[in-house]
Amino acid sequence: MSVLPGPIRQIGYVVTDLDRAIAGWSELGVGPWFVMRGLPMSVRYRGEPCETTLSVAWSNIGELQLELIQQLDDTPSIFTEFLAANGPGYQQLAYWTTDFEGAMREVEKAGWTVVWSGAGS
């Protein structure tokens, strides 16, 4: 298995104003949007427990999904870290896999650091 489990399926952007970001992408013809607000997240960030709240929007463009992520608090996370270093913008690519454990083994063998893991509450 390659470290990358297939074609890119999602591009993620960290934003500071979800509604403004949706409006901007909608002006470009992207939509409709599926929006979830106030999602509690209980994950691990850099190996430590992390409790935060997100609002997220997704739109599919063919087989590619666009994700907009706004963190609603100041809890240290991959999103606050990204914003501090870069400001709002492109943050991540995602791949769909049918063998998550196998993909994670390949990531470990490749020496990639897992910074954010787990699922929302």
C-alpha atoms as a PDB file:
ATOM      1  CA  MET A   1       0.000   0.000   0.000  1.00  0.00           C
ATOM      2  CA  SER A   2       1.159   3.530  -0.774  1.00  0.00           C
ATOM      3  CA  VAL A   3       1.158   6.039   2.070  1.00  0.00           C
ATOM      4  CA  LEU A   4      -1.498   7.882   0.067  1.00  0.00           C
ATOM      5  CA  PRO A   5      -4.521   5.570  -0.090  1.00  0.00           C
ATOM      6  CA  GLY A   6      -5.876   6.817  -3.416  1.00  0.00           C
ATOM      7  CA  PRO A   7      -7.013   9.990  -5.127  1.00  0.00           C
ATOM      8  CA  ILE A   8      -7.562  13.198  -3.190  1.00  0.00           C
ATOM      9  CA  ARG A   9     -11.235  13.358  -2.172  1.00  0.00           C
ATOM     10  CA  GLN A  10     -11.355  16.479  -0.003  1.00  0.00           C
ATOM     11  CA  ILE A  11      -9.691  19.878   0.261  1.00  0.00           C
ATOM     12  CA  GLY A  12     -10.082  21.616   3.614  1.00  0.00           C
ATOM     13  CA  TYR A  13      -9.919  25.318   4.413  1.00  0.00           C
ATOM     14  CA  VAL A  14      -9.755  26.836   7.890  1.00  0.00           C
ATOM     15  CA  VAL A  15     -11.853  29.987   8.064  1.00  0.00           C
ATOM     16  CA  THR A  16     -12.675  32.588  10.705  1.00  0.00           C
ATOM     17  CA  ASP A  17     -16.194  33.332   9.426  1.00  0.00           C
ATOM     18  CA  LEU A  18     -18.037  30.302   8.045  1.00  0.00           C
ATOM     19  CA  ASP A  19     -20.938  32.257   6.567  1.00  0.00           C
ATOM     20  CA  ARG A  20     -18.630  34.701   4.776  1.00  0.00           C
ATOM     21  CA  ALA A  21     -16.555  31.793   3.406  1.00  0.00           C
ATOM     22  CA  ILE A  22     -19.685  29.998   2.153  1.00  0.00           C
ATOM     23  CA  ALA A  23     -20.873  33.215   0.488  1.00  0.00           C
ATOM     24  CA  GLY A  24     -17.502  33.684  -1.223  1.00  0.00           C
ATOM     25  CA  TRP A  25     -17.388  30.139  -2.566  1.00  0.00           C
ATOM     26  CA  SER A  26     -21.061  30.368  -3.590  1.00  0.00           C
ATOM     27  CA  GLU A  27     -20.233  33.457  -5.686  1.00  0.00           C
ATOM     28  CA  LEU A  28     -17.805  31.203  -7.577  1.00  0.00           C
ATOM     29  CA  GLY A  29     -20.622  28.729  -8.284  1.00  0.00           C
ATOM     30  CA  VAL A  30     -19.742  26.214  -5.560  1.00  0.00           C
ATOM     31  CA  GLY A  31     -22.734  24.750  -3.716  1.00  0.00           C
ATOM     32  CA  PRO A  32     -25.118  23.682  -2.397  1.00  0.00           C
ATOM     33  CA  TRP A  33     -23.625  23.491   1.089  1.00  0.00           C
ATOM     34  CA  PHE A  34     -24.305  21.069   3.942  1.00  0.00           C
ATOM     35  CA  VAL A  35     -23.632  22.946   7.178  1.00  0.00           C
ATOM     36  CA  MET A  36     -23.258  21.647  10.732  1.00  0.00           C
ATOM     37  CA  ARG A  37     -22.822  24.205  13.500  1.00  0.00           C
ATOM     38  CA  GLY A  38     -21.560  23.826  17.041  1.00  0.00           C
ATOM     39  CA  LEU A  39     -20.093  20.329  16.678  1.00  0.00           C
ATOM     40  CA  PRO A  40     -18.383  19.218  19.900  1.00  0.00           C
ATOM     41  CA  MET A  41     -15.071  17.496  19.184  1.00  0.00           C
ATOM     42  CA  SER A  42     -13.319  15.157  21.585  1.00  0.00           C
ATOM     43  CA  VAL A  43     -10.049  14.140  19.924  1.00  0.00           C
ATOM     44  CA  ARG A  44      -6.303  13.975  20.497  1.00  0.00           C
ATOM     45  CA  TYR A  45      -4.130  16.920  19.480  1.00  0.00           C
ATOM     46  CA  ARG A  46      -0.368  16.313  19.534  1.00  0.00           C
ATOM     47  CA  GLY A  47      -0.978  13.295  21.759  1.00  0.00           C
ATOM     48  CA  GLU A  48      -3.093  15.109  24.362  1.00  0.00           C
ATOM     49  CA  PRO A  49      -6.886  15.150  24.848  1.00  0.00           C
ATOM     50  CA  CYS A  50      -8.555  18.046  23.035  1.00  0.00           C
ATOM     51  CA  GLU A  51     -12.125  19.263  23.526  1.00  0.00           C
ATOM     52  CA  THR A  52     -13.250  21.946  21.092  1.00  0.00           C
ATOM     53  CA  THR A  53     -16.269  23.056  19.092  1.00  0.00           C
ATOM     54  CA  LEU A  54     -16.419  23.482  15.311  1.00  0.00           C
ATOM     55  CA  SER A  55     -18.824  24.630  12.670  1.00  0.00           C
ATOM     56  CA  VAL A  56     -18.212  22.936   9.322  1.00  0.00           C
ATOM     57  CA  ALA A  57     -19.599  23.192   5.794  1.00  0.00           C
ATOM     58  CA  TRP A  58     -19.165  20.748   2.911  1.00  0.00           C
ATOM     59  CA  SER A  59     -19.903  20.996  -0.786  1.00  0.00           C
ATOM     60  CA  ASN A  60     -19.245  18.326  -3.389  1.00  0.00           C
ATOM     61  CA  ILE A  61     -17.844  19.167  -6.802  1.00  0.00           C
ATOM     62  CA  GLY A  62     -17.998  15.886  -8.684  1.00  0.00           C
ATOM     63  CA  GLU A  63     -15.873  13.428  -6.685  1.00  0.00           C
ATOM     64  CA  LEU A  64     -14.058  16.218  -4.822  1.00  0.00           C
ATOM     65  CA  GLN A  65     -15.417  17.606  -1.565  1.00  0.00           C
ATOM     66  CA  LEU A  66     -14.668  21.114  -0.326  1.00  0.00           C
ATOM     67  CA  GLU A  67     -14.658  21.511   3.472  1.00  0.00           C
ATOM     68  CA  LEU A  68     -14.762  24.813   5.375  1.00  0.00           C
ATOM     69  CA  ILE A  69     -13.875  24.634   9.084  1.00  0.00           C
ATOM     70  CA  GLN A  70     -14.417  27.316  11.729  1.00  0.00           C
ATOM     71  CA  GLN A  71     -13.343  26.660  15.298  1.00  0.00           C
ATOM     72  CA  LEU A  72     -15.678  28.423  17.724  1.00  0.00           C
ATOM     73  CA  ASP A  73     -13.309  28.680  20.708  1.00  0.00           C
ATOM     74  CA  ASP A  74      -9.633  29.302  21.455  1.00  0.00           C
ATOM     75  CA  THR A  75      -8.735  25.754  22.545  1.00  0.00           C
ATOM     76  CA  PRO A  76      -5.302  24.824  21.145  1.00  0.00           C
ATOM     77  CA  SER A  77      -5.884  22.623  18.078  1.00  0.00           C
ATOM     78  CA  ILE A  78      -4.708  22.039  14.528  1.00  0.00           C
ATOM     79  CA  PHE A  79      -7.022  24.883  13.523  1.00  0.00           C
ATOM     80  CA  THR A  80      -5.787  27.506  16.010  1.00  0.00           C
ATOM     81  CA  GLU A  81      -2.218  26.419  15.220  1.00  0.00           C
ATOM     82  CA  PHE A  82      -2.857  26.847  11.500  1.00  0.00           C
ATOM     83  CA  LEU A  83      -4.542  30.253  11.906  1.00  0.00           C
ATOM     84  CA  ALA A  84      -1.700  31.556  14.087  1.00  0.00           C
ATOM     85  CA  ALA A  85       0.906  30.506  11.521  1.00  0.00           C
ATOM     86  CA  ASN A  86      -0.922  31.275   8.279  1.00  0.00           C
ATOM     87  CA  GLY A  87      -4.238  33.044   8.764  1.00  0.00           C
ATOM     88  CA  PRO A  88      -7.344  31.609   7.091  1.00  0.00           C
ATOM     89  CA  GLY A  89      -6.862  29.423   4.040  1.00  0.00           C
ATOM     90  CA  TYR A  90      -6.056  26.021   2.577  1.00  0.00           C
ATOM     91  CA  GLN A  91      -5.123  23.612   5.381  1.00  0.00           C
ATOM     92  CA  GLN A  92      -5.453  19.967   4.361  1.00  0.00           C
ATOM     93  CA  LEU A  93      -6.093  17.251   1.815  1.00  0.00           C
ATOM     94  CA  ALA A  94      -8.034  14.105   2.651  1.00  0.00           C
ATOM     95  CA  TYR A  95      -8.246  10.653   1.133  1.00  0.00           C
ATOM     96  CA  TRP A  96     -10.963   8.053   1.591  1.00  0.00           C
ATOM     97  CA  THR A  97      -9.702   4.574   2.455  1.00  0.00           C
ATOM     98  CA  THR A  98     -11.372   1.222   2.991  1.00  0.00           C
ATOM     99  CA  ASP A  99      -8.507   0.141   5.290  1.00  0.00           C
ATOM    100  CA  PHE A 100      -7.966   2.907   7.856  1.00  0.00           C
ATOM    101  CA  GLU A 101      -5.721   0.802  10.122  1.00  0.00           C
ATOM    102  CA  GLY A 102      -3.570  -0.200   7.147  1.00  0.00           C
ATOM    103  CA  ALA A 103      -3.309   3.404   6.006  1.00  0.00           C
ATOM    104  CA  MET A 104      -2.258   4.483   9.514  1.00  0.00           C
ATOM    105  CA  ARG A 105       0.420   1.755   9.584  1.00  0.00           C
ATOM    106  CA  GLU A 106       1.788   3.127   6.293  1.00  0.00           C
ATOM    107  CA  VAL A 107       1.744   6.668   7.703  1.00  0.00           C
ATOM    108  CA  GLU A 108       3.711   5.460  10.745  1.00  0.00           C
ATOM    109  CA  LYS A 109       6.215   3.546   8.552  1.00  0.00           C
ATOM    110  CA  ALA A 110       6.706   6.690   6.448  1.00  0.00           C
ATOM    111  CA  GLY A 111       7.560   8.640   9.605  1.00  0.00           C
ATOM    112  CA  TRP A 112       4.637  11.054   9.345  1.00  0.00           C
ATOM    113  CA  THR A 113       3.530  12.616  12.621  1.00  0.00           C
ATOM    114  CA  VAL A 114      -0.134  12.170  13.547  1.00  0.00           C
ATOM    115  CA  VAL A 115      -1.138  15.548  14.967  1.00  0.00           C
ATOM    116  CA  TRP A 116      -4.955  15.166  15.171  1.00  0.00           C
ATOM    117  CA  SER A 117      -6.761  11.891  15.710  1.00  0.00           C
ATOM    118  CA  GLY A 118     -10.129  10.633  16.779  1.00  0.00           C
ATOM    119  CA  ALA A 119     -13.696  11.448  15.907  1.00  0.00           C
ATOM    120  CA  GLY A 120     -16.124  14.070  17.086  1.00  0.00           C
ATOM    121  CA  SER A 121     -18.271  13.491  20.148  1.00  0.00           C
END
